[in-house]
C-alpha atoms as a PDB file:
ATOM      1  CA  MET A   1     168.981 126.226 325.416  1.00  0.00           C
ATOM      2  CA  LYS A   2     171.220 127.809 328.026  1.00  0.00           C
ATOM      3  CA  LYS A   3     171.961 124.283 329.434  1.00  0.00           C
ATOM      4  CA  TYR A   4     173.224 123.031 326.065  1.00  0.00           C
ATOM      5  CA  ALA A   5     175.298 126.117 325.467  1.00  0.00           C
ATOM      6  CA  ASN A   6     177.072 125.743 328.809  1.00  0.00           C
ATOM      7  CA  HIS A   7     177.708 122.050 328.039  1.00  0.00           C
ATOM      8  CA  PHE A   8     179.408 122.840 324.715  1.00  0.00           C
ATOM      9  CA  ILE A   9     181.493 125.556 326.285  1.00  0.00           C
ATOM     10  CA  ASN A  10     182.721 123.132 328.957  1.00  0.00           C
ATOM     11  CA  GLN A  11     183.517 120.534 326.319  1.00  0.00           C
ATOM     12  CA  LEU A  12     185.430 123.135 324.305  1.00  0.00           C
ATOM     13  CA  TRP A  13     187.313 124.153 327.424  1.00  0.00           C
ATOM     14  CA  VAL A  14     188.492 120.625 328.118  1.00  0.00           C
ATOM     15  CA  GLY A  15     189.332 120.064 324.451  1.00  0.00           C
ATOM     16  CA  LYS A  16     186.725 117.377 323.803  1.00  0.00           C
ATOM     17  CA  ILE A  17     184.961 119.275 320.993  1.00  0.00           C
ATOM     18  CA  SER A  18     186.289 121.300 318.133  1.00  0.00           C
ATOM     19  CA  LEU A  19     185.602 124.998 317.509  1.00  0.00           C
ATOM     20  CA  PHE A  20     183.956 124.211 314.172  1.00  0.00           C
ATOM     21  CA  THR A  21     181.412 121.951 315.839  1.00  0.00           C
ATOM     22  CA  LEU A  22     180.430 124.740 318.284  1.00  0.00           C
ATOM     23  CA  LEU A  23     179.885 127.231 315.467  1.00  0.00           C
ATOM     24  CA  ALA A  24     177.661 124.767 313.615  1.00  0.00           C
ATOM     25  CA  VAL A  25     175.479 124.331 316.683  1.00  0.00           C
ATOM     26  CA  ILE A  26     175.096 128.145 317.126  1.00  0.00           C
ATOM     27  CA  ILE A  27     174.079 128.616 313.485  1.00  0.00           C
ATOM     28  CA  ALA A  28     171.458 125.889 313.801  1.00  0.00           C
ATOM     29  CA  VAL A  29     169.945 127.293 317.010  1.00  0.00           C
ATOM     30  CA  THR A  30     169.763 131.002 316.045  1.00  0.00           C
ATOM     31  CA  PRO A  31     166.933 130.807 313.413  1.00  0.00           C
ATOM     32  CA  ALA A  32     164.754 128.903 315.858  1.00  0.00           C
ATOM     33  CA  CYS A  33     165.209 131.590 318.480  1.00  0.00           C
ATOM     34  CA  MET A  34     164.419 134.380 316.002  1.00  0.00           C
ATOM     35  CA  LYS A  35     161.349 132.571 314.756  1.00  0.00           C
ATOM     36  CA  LYS A  36     160.075 132.226 318.298  1.00  0.00           C
ATOM     37  CA  ALA A  37     160.547 135.896 319.050  1.00  0.00           C
ATOM     38  CA  GLY A  38     158.850 137.032 315.812  1.00  0.00           C
ATOM     39  CA  PRO A  39     155.213 137.016 316.903  1.00  0.00           C
ATOM     40  CA  ALA A  40     155.986 139.065 319.982  1.00  0.00           C
ATOM     41  CA  GLU A  41     157.705 141.748 317.891  1.00  0.00           C
ATOM     42  CA  LYS A  42     154.879 141.716 315.406  1.00  0.00           C
ATOM     43  CA  GLY A  43     152.380 142.293 318.196  1.00  0.00           C
ATOM     44  CA  ALA A  44     154.387 145.267 319.461  1.00  0.00           C
ATOM     45  CA  ARG A  45     153.806 147.379 316.348  1.00  0.00           C
ATOM     46  CA  PRO A  46     151.587 150.382 317.154  1.00  0.00           C
ATOM     47  CA  GLY A  47     149.502 150.066 314.021  1.00  0.00           C
ATOM     48  CA  SER A  48     147.998 146.771 315.089  1.00  0.00           C
ATOM     49  CA  GLN A  49     147.115 147.898 318.638  1.00  0.00           C
ATOM     50  CA  THR A  50     143.675 149.091 319.724  1.00  0.00           C
ATOM     51  CA  LEU A  51     143.969 152.661 320.960  1.00  0.00           C
ATOM     52  CA  VAL A  52     141.978 153.653 324.040  1.00  0.00           C
ATOM     53  CA  VAL A  53     140.424 157.121 323.675  1.00  0.00           C
ATOM     54  CA  GLU A  54     137.650 159.291 325.064  1.00  0.00           C
ATOM     55  CA  GLY A  55     134.776 160.539 322.947  1.00  0.00           C
ATOM     56  CA  VAL A  56     131.758 162.804 322.927  1.00  0.00           C
ATOM     57  CA  ILE A  57     128.315 162.362 321.381  1.00  0.00           C
ATOM     58  CA  ALA A  58     127.351 165.166 318.982  1.00  0.00           C
ATOM     59  CA  LYS A  59     124.160 166.739 320.331  1.00  0.00           C
ATOM     60  CA  VAL A  60     121.927 169.554 319.149  1.00  0.00           C
ATOM     61  CA  LYS A  61     121.389 172.371 321.650  1.00  0.00           C
ATOM     62  CA  PRO A  62     120.475 176.083 321.566  1.00  0.00           C
ATOM     63  CA  VAL A  63     123.419 178.452 321.421  1.00  0.00           C
ATOM     64  CA  VAL A  64     123.475 182.241 321.741  1.00  0.00           C
ATOM     65  CA  GLN A  65     125.939 183.578 319.209  1.00  0.00           C
ATOM     66  CA  ASN A  66     128.133 186.350 320.608  1.00  0.00           C
ATOM     67  CA  ILE A  67     131.247 188.152 319.481  1.00  0.00           C
ATOM     68  CA  GLN A  68     133.643 190.217 321.560  1.00  0.00           C
ATOM     69  CA  VAL A  69     135.345 193.397 320.370  1.00  0.00           C
ATOM     70  CA  SER A  70     137.495 196.054 321.975  1.00  0.00           C
ATOM     71  CA  GLY A  71     136.171 199.430 323.015  1.00  0.00           C
ATOM     72  CA  THR A  72     137.124 202.591 324.870  1.00  0.00           C
ATOM     73  CA  LEU A  73     135.190 204.522 327.499  1.00  0.00           C
ATOM     74  CA  LYS A  74     135.030 208.281 327.039  1.00  0.00           C
ATOM     75  CA  SER A  75     133.384 211.160 328.827  1.00  0.00           C
ATOM     76  CA  PHE A  76     130.118 212.104 327.164  1.00  0.00           C
ATOM     77  CA  GLU A  77     131.428 215.686 327.095  1.00  0.00           C
ATOM     78  CA  GLU A  78     135.090 216.525 327.624  1.00  0.00           C
ATOM     79  CA  THR A  79     136.693 219.913 327.009  1.00  0.00           C
ATOM     80  CA  VAL A  80     140.231 221.191 327.341  1.00  0.00           C
ATOM     81  CA  LEU A  81     139.891 224.655 328.816  1.00  0.00           C
ATOM     82  CA  MET A  82     142.003 227.292 327.026  1.00  0.00           C
ATOM     83  CA  PRO A  83     141.955 231.117 327.098  1.00  0.00           C
ATOM     84  CA  GLU A  84     140.858 233.064 324.044  1.00  0.00           C
ATOM     85  CA  VAL A  85     143.521 235.771 324.330  1.00  0.00           C
ATOM     86  CA  VAL A  86     147.079 236.266 325.536  1.00  0.00           C
ATOM     87  CA  GLY A  87     147.281 237.510 329.087  1.00  0.00           C
ATOM     88  CA  ARG A  88     148.418 237.152 332.673  1.00  0.00           C
ATOM     89  CA  VAL A  89     146.445 235.008 335.122  1.00  0.00           C
ATOM     90  CA  VAL A  90     145.150 237.076 338.033  1.00  0.00           C
ATOM     91  CA  SER A  91     142.510 234.712 339.454  1.00  0.00           C
ATOM     92  CA  ILE A  92     142.021 230.909 339.465  1.00  0.00           C
ATOM     93  CA  ASN A  93     138.941 228.951 340.468  1.00  0.00           C
ATOM     94  CA  LEU A  94     139.784 225.413 339.316  1.00  0.00           C
ATOM     95  CA  PRO A  95     138.817 223.021 342.137  1.00  0.00           C
ATOM     96  CA  GLU A  96     140.674 219.879 341.050  1.00  0.00           C
ATOM     97  CA  GLY A  97     138.480 216.788 341.112  1.00  0.00           C
ATOM     98  CA  ARG A  98     135.434 218.810 342.143  1.00  0.00           C
ATOM     99  CA  PHE A  99     132.093 219.571 340.549  1.00  0.00           C
ATOM    100  CA  VAL A 100     131.385 223.012 339.054  1.00  0.00           C
ATOM    101  CA  LYS A 101     128.180 224.339 337.545  1.00  0.00           C
ATOM    102  CA  SER A 102     127.781 225.753 334.070  1.00  0.00           C
ATOM    103  CA  GLY A 103     128.696 229.462 333.876  1.00  0.00           C
ATOM    104  CA  THR A 104     131.139 229.396 336.806  1.00  0.00           C
ATOM    105  CA  LEU A 105     134.140 231.728 336.375  1.00  0.00           C
ATOM    106  CA  LEU A 106     137.185 229.435 336.400  1.00  0.00           C
ATOM    107  CA  VAL A 107     140.127 231.632 335.321  1.00  0.00           C
ATOM    108  CA  LYS A 108     140.467 235.416 335.031  1.00  0.00           C
ATOM    109  CA  LEU A 109     143.159 237.221 333.034  1.00  0.00           C
ATOM    110  CA  PHE A 110     144.349 240.786 333.577  1.00  0.00           C
ATOM    111  CA  ASP A 111     141.932 243.267 331.973  1.00  0.00           C
ATOM    112  CA  GLY A 112     142.904 246.590 333.577  1.00  0.00           C
ATOM    113  CA  ASP A 113     143.564 248.280 330.256  1.00  0.00           C
ATOM    114  CA  LEU A 114     140.242 247.144 328.850  1.00  0.00           C
ATOM    115  CA  GLN A 115     138.374 248.317 331.931  1.00  0.00           C
ATOM    116  CA  ALA A 116     139.972 251.759 331.597  1.00  0.00           C
ATOM    117  CA  GLN A 117     139.007 251.908 327.945  1.00  0.00           C
ATOM    118  CA  LEU A 118     135.445 250.888 328.855  1.00  0.00           C
ATOM    119  CA  ASN A 119     135.212 253.724 331.399  1.00  0.00           C
ATOM    120  CA  LYS A 120     136.437 256.169 328.762  1.00  0.00           C
ATOM    121  CA  TYR A 121     133.772 255.101 326.280  1.00  0.00           C
ATOM    122  CA  GLN A 122     131.073 255.252 328.941  1.00  0.00           C
ATOM    123  CA  THR A 123     132.059 258.863 329.763  1.00  0.00           C
ATOM    124  CA  GLN A 124     132.027 259.778 326.074  1.00  0.00           C
ATOM    125  CA  LEU A 125     128.609 258.174 325.737  1.00  0.00           C
ATOM    126  CA  GLN A 126     127.277 260.201 328.660  1.00  0.00           C
ATOM    127  CA  ILE A 127     128.472 263.480 327.107  1.00  0.00           C
ATOM    128  CA  ALA A 128     127.229 262.553 323.632  1.00  0.00           C
ATOM    129  CA  THR A 129     123.843 261.567 325.043  1.00  0.00           C
ATOM    130  CA  GLN A 130     123.444 264.899 326.798  1.00  0.00           C
ATOM    131  CA  THR A 131     124.372 266.728 323.601  1.00  0.00           C
ATOM    132  CA  LEU A 132     121.851 264.681 321.640  1.00  0.00           C
ATOM    133  CA  ASN A 133     119.109 265.540 324.158  1.00  0.00           C
ATOM    134  CA  ARG A 134     119.778 269.300 323.824  1.00  0.00           C
ATOM    135  CA  GLN A 135     119.861 269.093 320.056  1.00  0.00           C
ATOM    136  CA  THR A 136     116.560 267.234 320.087  1.00  0.00           C
ATOM    137  CA  GLU A 137     114.908 270.275 321.723  1.00  0.00           C
ATOM    138  CA  LEU A 138     116.644 272.672 319.344  1.00  0.00           C
ATOM    139  CA  LEU A 139     115.531 270.668 316.349  1.00  0.00           C
ATOM    140  CA  LYS A 140     111.911 271.131 317.410  1.00  0.00           C
ATOM    141  CA  VAL A 141     112.264 274.960 317.099  1.00  0.00           C
ATOM    142  CA  SER A 142     114.563 274.734 314.061  1.00  0.00           C
ATOM    143  CA  GLY A 143     117.503 275.849 316.165  1.00  0.00           C
ATOM    144  CA  ILE A 144     119.806 273.231 314.603  1.00  0.00           C
ATOM    145  CA  SER A 145     120.087 271.670 311.231  1.00  0.00           C
ATOM    146  CA  GLN A 146     118.974 268.131 310.601  1.00  0.00           C
ATOM    147  CA  SER A 147     122.471 267.243 309.416  1.00  0.00           C
ATOM    148  CA  ASP A 148     124.085 268.270 312.741  1.00  0.00           C
ATOM    149  CA  TYR A 149     121.437 266.332 314.652  1.00  0.00           C
ATOM    150  CA  ASP A 150     122.039 263.186 312.558  1.00  0.00           C
ATOM    151  CA  GLN A 151     125.777 263.505 313.106  1.00  0.00           C
ATOM    152  CA  THR A 152     125.295 263.551 316.882  1.00  0.00           C
ATOM    153  CA  GLN A 153     123.013 260.496 316.678  1.00  0.00           C
ATOM    154  CA  LEU A 154     125.666 258.659 314.687  1.00  0.00           C
ATOM    155  CA  GLN A 155     128.295 259.578 317.275  1.00  0.00           C
ATOM    156  CA  VAL A 156     126.154 258.168 320.117  1.00  0.00           C
ATOM    157  CA  ALA A 157     125.585 254.908 318.220  1.00  0.00           C
ATOM    158  CA  SER A 158     129.312 254.585 317.463  1.00  0.00           C
ATOM    159  CA  ILE A 159     130.249 255.037 321.128  1.00  0.00           C
ATOM    160  CA  LYS A 160     127.708 252.355 322.122  1.00  0.00           C
ATOM    161  CA  ASN A 161     129.258 249.958 319.632  1.00  0.00           C
ATOM    162  CA  ASP A 162     132.714 250.666 321.064  1.00  0.00           C
ATOM    163  CA  ILE A 163     131.377 249.884 324.524  1.00  0.00           C
ATOM    164  CA  GLU A 164     129.957 246.532 323.386  1.00  0.00           C
ATOM    165  CA  LEU A 165     133.223 245.677 321.619  1.00  0.00           C
ATOM    166  CA  THR A 166     135.227 246.450 324.751  1.00  0.00           C
ATOM    167  CA  LYS A 167     132.896 244.345 326.882  1.00  0.00           C
ATOM    168  CA  ALA A 168     133.402 241.472 324.448  1.00  0.00           C
ATOM    169  CA  GLU A 169     137.173 241.844 324.783  1.00  0.00           C
ATOM    170  CA  ILE A 170     136.801 241.773 328.565  1.00  0.00           C
ATOM    171  CA  ARG A 171     134.731 238.570 328.361  1.00  0.00           C
ATOM    172  CA  LYS A 172     137.596 236.964 326.438  1.00  0.00           C
ATOM    173  CA  THR A 173     139.784 237.388 329.524  1.00  0.00           C
ATOM    174  CA  GLU A 174     137.409 235.090 331.429  1.00  0.00           C
ATOM    175  CA  VAL A 175     137.307 231.278 331.175  1.00  0.00           C
ATOM    176  CA  ILE A 176     133.798 230.065 331.990  1.00  0.00           C
ATOM    177  CA  ALA A 177     132.613 226.490 332.680  1.00  0.00           C
ATOM    178  CA  PRO A 178     130.753 225.458 329.488  1.00  0.00           C
ATOM    179  CA  TYR A 179     128.577 222.866 331.303  1.00  0.00           C
ATOM    180  CA  ASP A 180     128.177 221.071 334.622  1.00  0.00           C
ATOM    181  CA  GLY A 181     131.181 218.828 335.122  1.00  0.00           C
ATOM    182  CA  ILE A 182     134.208 217.710 337.083  1.00  0.00           C
ATOM    183  CA  ILE A 183     137.454 219.668 336.864  1.00  0.00           C
ATOM    184  CA  GLY A 184     140.616 217.647 336.293  1.00  0.00           C
ATOM    185  CA  LEU A 185     144.156 218.673 337.236  1.00  0.00           C
ATOM    186  CA  ARG A 186     145.023 222.317 336.615  1.00  0.00           C
ATOM    187  CA  ASN A 187     148.165 223.202 334.701  1.00  0.00           C
ATOM    188  CA  ILE A 188     148.691 226.859 335.655  1.00  0.00           C
ATOM    189  CA  SER A 189     149.299 229.084 338.658  1.00  0.00           C
ATOM    190  CA  ILE A 190     148.595 232.697 339.554  1.00  0.00           C
ATOM    191  CA  GLY A 191     150.767 235.094 337.519  1.00  0.00           C
ATOM    192  CA  ALA A 192     151.341 232.692 334.636  1.00  0.00           C
ATOM    193  CA  GLN A 193     151.436 234.174 331.141  1.00  0.00           C
ATOM    194  CA  VAL A 194     149.070 232.180 328.938  1.00  0.00           C
ATOM    195  CA  SER A 195     148.019 232.136 325.292  1.00  0.00           C
ATOM    196  CA  PRO A 196     145.163 230.556 323.296  1.00  0.00           C
ATOM    197  CA  SER A 197     147.278 227.384 322.973  1.00  0.00           C
ATOM    198  CA  THR A 198     147.815 226.962 326.725  1.00  0.00           C
ATOM    199  CA  PRO A 199     145.739 224.120 328.289  1.00  0.00           C
ATOM    200  CA  LEU A 200     144.473 225.294 331.666  1.00  0.00           C
ATOM    201  CA  ALA A 201     142.593 222.157 332.772  1.00  0.00           C
ATOM    202  CA  VAL A 202     140.047 219.617 331.539  1.00  0.00           C
ATOM    203  CA  ILE A 203     136.370 219.563 332.431  1.00  0.00           C
ATOM    204  CA  ARG A 204     134.323 216.363 332.001  1.00  0.00           C
ATOM    205  CA  GLU A 205     130.628 215.675 332.273  1.00  0.00           C
ATOM    206  CA  GLN A 206     130.033 213.176 335.070  1.00  0.00           C
ATOM    207  CA  ASP A 207     126.497 211.884 334.516  1.00  0.00           C
ATOM    208  CA  LYS A 208     127.044 209.896 331.304  1.00  0.00           C
ATOM    209  CA  LEU A 209     129.823 208.110 329.443  1.00  0.00           C
ATOM    210  CA  LYS A 210     130.350 207.184 325.809  1.00  0.00           C
ATOM    211  CA  LEU A 211     131.530 203.757 324.675  1.00  0.00           C
ATOM    212  CA  ASP A 212     133.316 203.753 321.318  1.00  0.00           C
ATOM    213  CA  PHE A 213     133.975 200.428 319.598  1.00  0.00           C
ATOM    214  CA  SER A 214     134.374 198.901 316.130  1.00  0.00           C
ATOM    215  CA  VAL A 215     132.864 195.742 314.662  1.00  0.00           C
ATOM    216  CA  PRO A 216     133.987 193.742 311.600  1.00  0.00           C
ATOM    217  CA  GLU A 217     132.242 194.549 308.350  1.00  0.00           C
ATOM    218  CA  LYS A 218     130.325 191.254 308.227  1.00  0.00           C
ATOM    219  CA  TYR A 219     128.616 192.113 311.537  1.00  0.00           C
ATOM    220  CA  SER A 220     127.804 195.721 310.615  1.00  0.00           C
ATOM    221  CA  GLN A 221     124.091 194.974 310.166  1.00  0.00           C
ATOM    222  CA  VAL A 222     123.831 193.748 313.759  1.00  0.00           C
ATOM    223  CA  VAL A 223     124.796 197.079 315.334  1.00  0.00           C
ATOM    224  CA  LYS A 224     121.961 199.594 315.048  1.00  0.00           C
ATOM    225  CA  ALA A 225     120.851 202.664 316.962  1.00  0.00           C
ATOM    226  CA  GLY A 226     118.882 201.588 320.014  1.00  0.00           C
ATOM    227  CA  SER A 227     120.391 198.106 320.318  1.00  0.00           C
ATOM    228  CA  LYS A 228     121.899 197.128 323.672  1.00  0.00           C
ATOM    229  CA  VAL A 229     125.430 195.873 324.282  1.00  0.00           C
ATOM    230  CA  LEU A 230     127.165 194.481 327.346  1.00  0.00           C
ATOM    231  CA  PHE A 231     130.720 195.334 328.318  1.00  0.00           C
ATOM    232  CA  SER A 232     133.223 194.850 331.101  1.00  0.00           C
ATOM    233  CA  VAL A 233     136.408 196.631 332.134  1.00  0.00           C
ATOM    234  CA  GLN A 234     139.724 195.230 333.241  1.00  0.00           C
ATOM    235  CA  GLY A 235     139.920 194.298 336.902  1.00  0.00           C
ATOM    236  CA  ASN A 236     136.138 194.032 337.257  1.00  0.00           C
ATOM    237  CA  ASP A 237     133.993 191.016 336.329  1.00  0.00           C
ATOM    238  CA  LYS A 238     130.758 192.996 336.526  1.00  0.00           C
ATOM    239  CA  LYS A 239     128.776 193.396 333.286  1.00  0.00           C
ATOM    240  CA  PHE A 240     127.629 196.905 332.360  1.00  0.00           C
ATOM    241  CA  GLU A 241     124.994 197.863 329.806  1.00  0.00           C
ATOM    242  CA  ALA A 242     125.112 200.507 327.090  1.00  0.00           C
ATOM    243  CA  VAL A 243     122.717 201.575 324.334  1.00  0.00           C
ATOM    244  CA  VAL A 244     123.991 202.281 320.812  1.00  0.00           C
ATOM    245  CA  MET A 245     123.290 205.914 319.921  1.00  0.00           C
ATOM    246  CA  ALA A 246     124.790 206.027 316.427  1.00  0.00           C
ATOM    247  CA  THR A 247     127.143 204.344 313.971  1.00  0.00           C
ATOM    248  CA  GLU A 248     129.519 205.769 311.407  1.00  0.00           C
ATOM    249  CA  GLN A 249     127.829 205.962 308.005  1.00  0.00           C
ATOM    250  CA  GLY A 250     130.592 204.073 306.248  1.00  0.00           C
ATOM    251  CA  ILE A 251     133.117 201.254 306.616  1.00  0.00           C
ATOM    252  CA  GLU A 252     136.730 202.233 307.293  1.00  0.00           C
ATOM    253  CA  THR A 253     138.754 201.175 304.265  1.00  0.00           C
ATOM    254  CA  ALA A 254     141.943 200.588 306.264  1.00  0.00           C
ATOM    255  CA  THR A 255     140.456 198.215 308.848  1.00  0.00           C
ATOM    256  CA  ARG A 256     137.181 197.114 307.203  1.00  0.00           C
ATOM    257  CA  ASN A 257     135.436 197.894 310.481  1.00  0.00           C
ATOM    258  CA  LEU A 258     132.330 199.887 311.351  1.00  0.00           C
ATOM    259  CA  ARG A 259     132.699 202.407 314.165  1.00  0.00           C
ATOM    260  CA  ALA A 260     129.864 202.658 316.659  1.00  0.00           C
ATOM    261  CA  ARG A 261     129.106 204.718 319.753  1.00  0.00           C
ATOM    262  CA  ALA A 262     126.962 203.736 322.734  1.00  0.00           C
ATOM    263  CA  VAL A 263     125.794 205.688 325.788  1.00  0.00           C
ATOM    264  CA  VAL A 264     126.312 204.486 329.352  1.00  0.00           C
ATOM    265  CA  ASP A 265     123.715 206.069 331.657  1.00  0.00           C
ATOM    266  CA  GLY A 266     124.156 206.278 335.406  1.00  0.00           C
ATOM    267  CA  LYS A 267     127.914 206.614 335.772  1.00  0.00           C
ATOM    268  CA  SER A 268     129.491 204.042 338.093  1.00  0.00           C
ATOM    269  CA  LYS A 269     132.592 204.644 340.190  1.00  0.00           C
ATOM    270  CA  ASP A 270     134.074 201.554 338.520  1.00  0.00           C
ATOM    271  CA  LEU A 271     133.958 203.218 335.089  1.00  0.00           C
ATOM    272  CA  ILE A 272     136.729 205.696 334.303  1.00  0.00           C
ATOM    273  CA  PRO A 273     137.007 207.668 331.034  1.00  0.00           C
ATOM    274  CA  GLY A 274     139.776 206.306 328.836  1.00  0.00           C
ATOM    275  CA  ALA A 275     139.510 202.761 330.224  1.00  0.00           C
ATOM    276  CA  PHE A 276     139.680 199.727 327.923  1.00  0.00           C
ATOM    277  CA  ALA A 277     136.359 197.893 327.548  1.00  0.00           C
ATOM    278  CA  ASN A 278     135.589 194.373 326.355  1.00  0.00           C
ATOM    279  CA  VAL A 279     132.319 194.700 324.417  1.00  0.00           C
ATOM    280  CA  GLU A 280     130.017 191.704 323.911  1.00  0.00           C
ATOM    281  CA  LEU A 281     127.576 191.742 320.994  1.00  0.00           C
ATOM    282  CA  THR A 282     124.718 189.254 320.628  1.00  0.00           C
ATOM    283  CA  LEU A 283     124.332 188.118 317.016  1.00  0.00           C
ATOM    284  CA  GLY A 284     121.324 185.878 317.601  1.00  0.00           C
ATOM    285  CA  GLU A 285     120.291 182.464 318.900  1.00  0.00           C
ATOM    286  CA  ASP A 286     120.678 179.172 317.022  1.00  0.00           C
ATOM    287  CA  LYS A 287     118.317 176.613 318.542  1.00  0.00           C
ATOM    288  CA  LYS A 288     119.720 173.671 316.529  1.00  0.00           C
ATOM    289  CA  ALA A 289     123.486 174.018 316.807  1.00  0.00           C
ATOM    290  CA  ILE A 290     125.892 171.080 317.135  1.00  0.00           C
ATOM    291  CA  MET A 291     128.598 172.037 319.611  1.00  0.00           C
ATOM    292  CA  LEU A 292     131.836 170.111 320.198  1.00  0.00           C
ATOM    293  CA  PRO A 293     134.829 170.716 322.491  1.00  0.00           C
ATOM    294  CA  THR A 294     137.474 172.746 320.689  1.00  0.00           C
ATOM    295  CA  GLN A 295     140.107 170.024 321.238  1.00  0.00           C
ATOM    296  CA  CYS A 296     138.194 167.784 318.822  1.00  0.00           C
ATOM    297  CA  ILE A 297     139.173 169.982 315.887  1.00  0.00           C
ATOM    298  CA  ILE A 298     142.236 169.108 313.789  1.00  0.00           C
ATOM    299  CA  PRO A 299     143.205 172.289 311.887  1.00  0.00           C
ATOM    300  CA  GLN A 300     144.249 171.855 308.260  1.00  0.00           C
ATOM    301  CA  ASP A 301     145.498 174.262 305.604  1.00  0.00           C
ATOM    302  CA  GLN A 302     142.168 174.626 303.831  1.00  0.00           C
ATOM    303  CA  SER A 303     139.719 172.918 306.169  1.00  0.00           C
ATOM    304  CA  ASN A 304     139.226 171.429 309.615  1.00  0.00           C
ATOM    305  CA  LYS A 305     138.790 167.751 310.472  1.00  0.00           C
ATOM    306  CA  VAL A 306     137.387 165.637 313.288  1.00  0.00           C
ATOM    307  CA  ILE A 307     137.753 161.914 313.985  1.00  0.00           C
ATOM    308  CA  LEU A 308     134.589 159.834 314.162  1.00  0.00           C
ATOM    309  CA  VAL A 309     134.330 156.359 315.676  1.00  0.00           C
ATOM    310  CA  LYS A 310     132.625 154.135 313.085  1.00  0.00           C
ATOM    311  CA  GLN A 311     132.369 150.394 313.892  1.00  0.00           C
ATOM    312  CA  GLY A 312     135.418 150.610 316.144  1.00  0.00           C
ATOM    313  CA  LYS A 313     137.561 152.308 313.481  1.00  0.00           C
ATOM    314  CA  ALA A 314     138.831 155.873 313.108  1.00  0.00           C
ATOM    315  CA  ARG A 315     137.272 157.881 310.312  1.00  0.00           C
ATOM    316  CA  PHE A 316     138.568 161.364 309.455  1.00  0.00           C
ATOM    317  CA  VAL A 317     135.913 163.774 308.107  1.00  0.00           C
ATOM    318  CA  ASP A 318     136.025 167.431 306.967  1.00  0.00           C
ATOM    319  CA  VAL A 319     133.867 169.842 308.961  1.00  0.00           C
ATOM    320  CA  GLN A 320     132.862 173.479 308.719  1.00  0.00           C
ATOM    321  CA  THR A 321     132.953 175.495 311.923  1.00  0.00           C
ATOM    322  CA  GLY A 322     130.863 178.435 313.083  1.00  0.00           C
ATOM    323  CA  THR A 323     130.569 180.290 316.369  1.00  0.00           C
ATOM    324  CA  ARG A 324     133.427 179.735 318.806  1.00  0.00           C
ATOM    325  CA  LEU A 325     132.752 179.921 322.539  1.00  0.00           C
ATOM    326  CA  SER A 326     135.179 179.711 325.439  1.00  0.00           C
ATOM    327  CA  SER A 327     135.494 175.906 325.328  1.00  0.00           C
ATOM    328  CA  ASP A 328     133.164 174.763 322.526  1.00  0.00           C
ATOM    329  CA  ILE A 329     132.855 175.380 318.809  1.00  0.00           C
ATOM    330  CA  GLU A 330     129.859 175.081 316.516  1.00  0.00           C
ATOM    331  CA  ILE A 331     129.937 172.524 313.692  1.00  0.00           C
ATOM    332  CA  THR A 332     127.768 173.737 310.832  1.00  0.00           C
ATOM    333  CA  ARG A 333     128.542 170.940 308.357  1.00  0.00           C
ATOM    334  CA  GLY A 334     130.282 167.551 308.236  1.00  0.00           C
ATOM    335  CA  ILE A 335     128.753 165.539 311.080  1.00  0.00           C
ATOM    336  CA  ASN A 336     125.277 164.604 312.248  1.00  0.00           C
ATOM    337  CA  GLU A 337     123.569 164.473 315.593  1.00  0.00           C
ATOM    338  CA  GLY A 338     124.471 161.273 317.420  1.00  0.00           C
ATOM    339  CA  ASP A 339     127.936 160.823 315.858  1.00  0.00           C
ATOM    340  CA  THR A 340     130.707 159.822 318.255  1.00  0.00           C
ATOM    341  CA  VAL A 341     133.698 162.170 318.009  1.00  0.00           C
ATOM    342  CA  VAL A 342     137.142 161.449 319.467  1.00  0.00           C
ATOM    343  CA  VAL A 343     138.306 163.950 322.088  1.00  0.00           C
ATOM    344  CA  THR A 344     141.633 162.558 323.410  1.00  0.00           C
ATOM    345  CA  GLY A 345     144.640 160.923 321.790  1.00  0.00           C
ATOM    346  CA  ILE A 346     144.038 162.611 318.444  1.00  0.00           C
ATOM    347  CA  LEU A 347     147.741 162.968 317.600  1.00  0.00           C
ATOM    348  CA  PHE A 348     148.311 159.195 317.714  1.00  0.00           C
ATOM    349  CA  ILE A 349     145.370 158.163 315.536  1.00  0.00           C
ATOM    350  CA  LYS A 350     145.628 157.324 311.852  1.00  0.00           C
ATOM    351  CA  PRO A 351     142.775 156.686 309.408  1.00  0.00           C
ATOM    352  CA  GLY A 352     141.419 153.193 310.017  1.00  0.00           C
ATOM    353  CA  SER A 353     143.044 152.769 313.428  1.00  0.00           C
ATOM    354  CA  ALA A 354     141.217 150.434 315.838  1.00  0.00           C
ATOM    355  CA  LEU A 355     139.660 152.485 318.651  1.00  0.00           C
ATOM    356  CA  LYS A 356     138.152 151.664 322.022  1.00  0.00           C
ATOM    357  CA  LEU A 357     136.156 154.207 323.990  1.00  0.00           C
ATOM    358  CA  SER A 358     137.067 154.379 327.656  1.00  0.00           C
ATOM    359  CA  ARG A 359     134.618 157.152 328.480  1.00  0.00           C
ATOM    360  CA  ILE A 360     131.957 159.283 326.838  1.00  0.00           C
ATOM    361  CA  GLN A 361     132.187 162.902 327.939  1.00  0.00           C
ATOM    362  CA  ASN A 362     129.057 164.895 328.685  1.00  0.00           C
END
């Protein structure tokens, strides 16, 4: 064709052929060229090509159903130490980061005035007691009236009550360790003026921890007292175990979650109160679950779909999903064991497309 075109151009150049003759030849040749190119273009359309994809065979296998929720580690006992009365700090025994035993005197406030008042009452009690002893002998010989004797007895009892009240006021100037625990950072110094709203330090029990977490309402029946849960903390892949001690006796209306609390025995140095915990709950084991890779699923507005390979053609089917694992998802309805499901190239497949499997994934 190129040879004839060059010939006509040369003839036109030398004036041996007219322009009208050249145009007639071009019009006659063009349809033939287009007709020849047609089949190639038709074969280039994507819809008529066989797409090469990878697939997976739907198999039944046992699956342990787990869910993961967030939790928080807390000290089993944690107390903010505060004084009971207003006063000036005269003594501090708050070893930061150290263990103290229950009953240890941690902080002492000034009690000089109370001690003086206690001494006064003790002296009055001594005098009143001596008077009561003399009157007891006089009463035996009718040397004193019963009324005077009863009045002295009442005076002795009143002074004893004043002494006990003063001792109680003195005890309020002392901050005592309520249980065995570790002292945190202290917030006061000697000579500080404190009040009942002044936090002195925090004491925490060291032997046990609490794990607080919440589960969705639909899983509330799974969490019961005595059941075991596994959890991990950030920066540590180790799995720790806790035992549920109690659950809240009601669902939170705002979140529709059930709060639960577990106990972690044998405190580890890797577990710090206040740390975030990833709690894993075992819902049960399904011994006949069909699991597929998550990339097989095509999410829709009201359902999910997968693509099956049926007689070399693509077939879109609706499926219902269940438990989701790290890389697989359970199919509870829509496909059967032995079906071949497309894994790759899903975005380019249309219903009825011709498919060819290049590999079957395990």
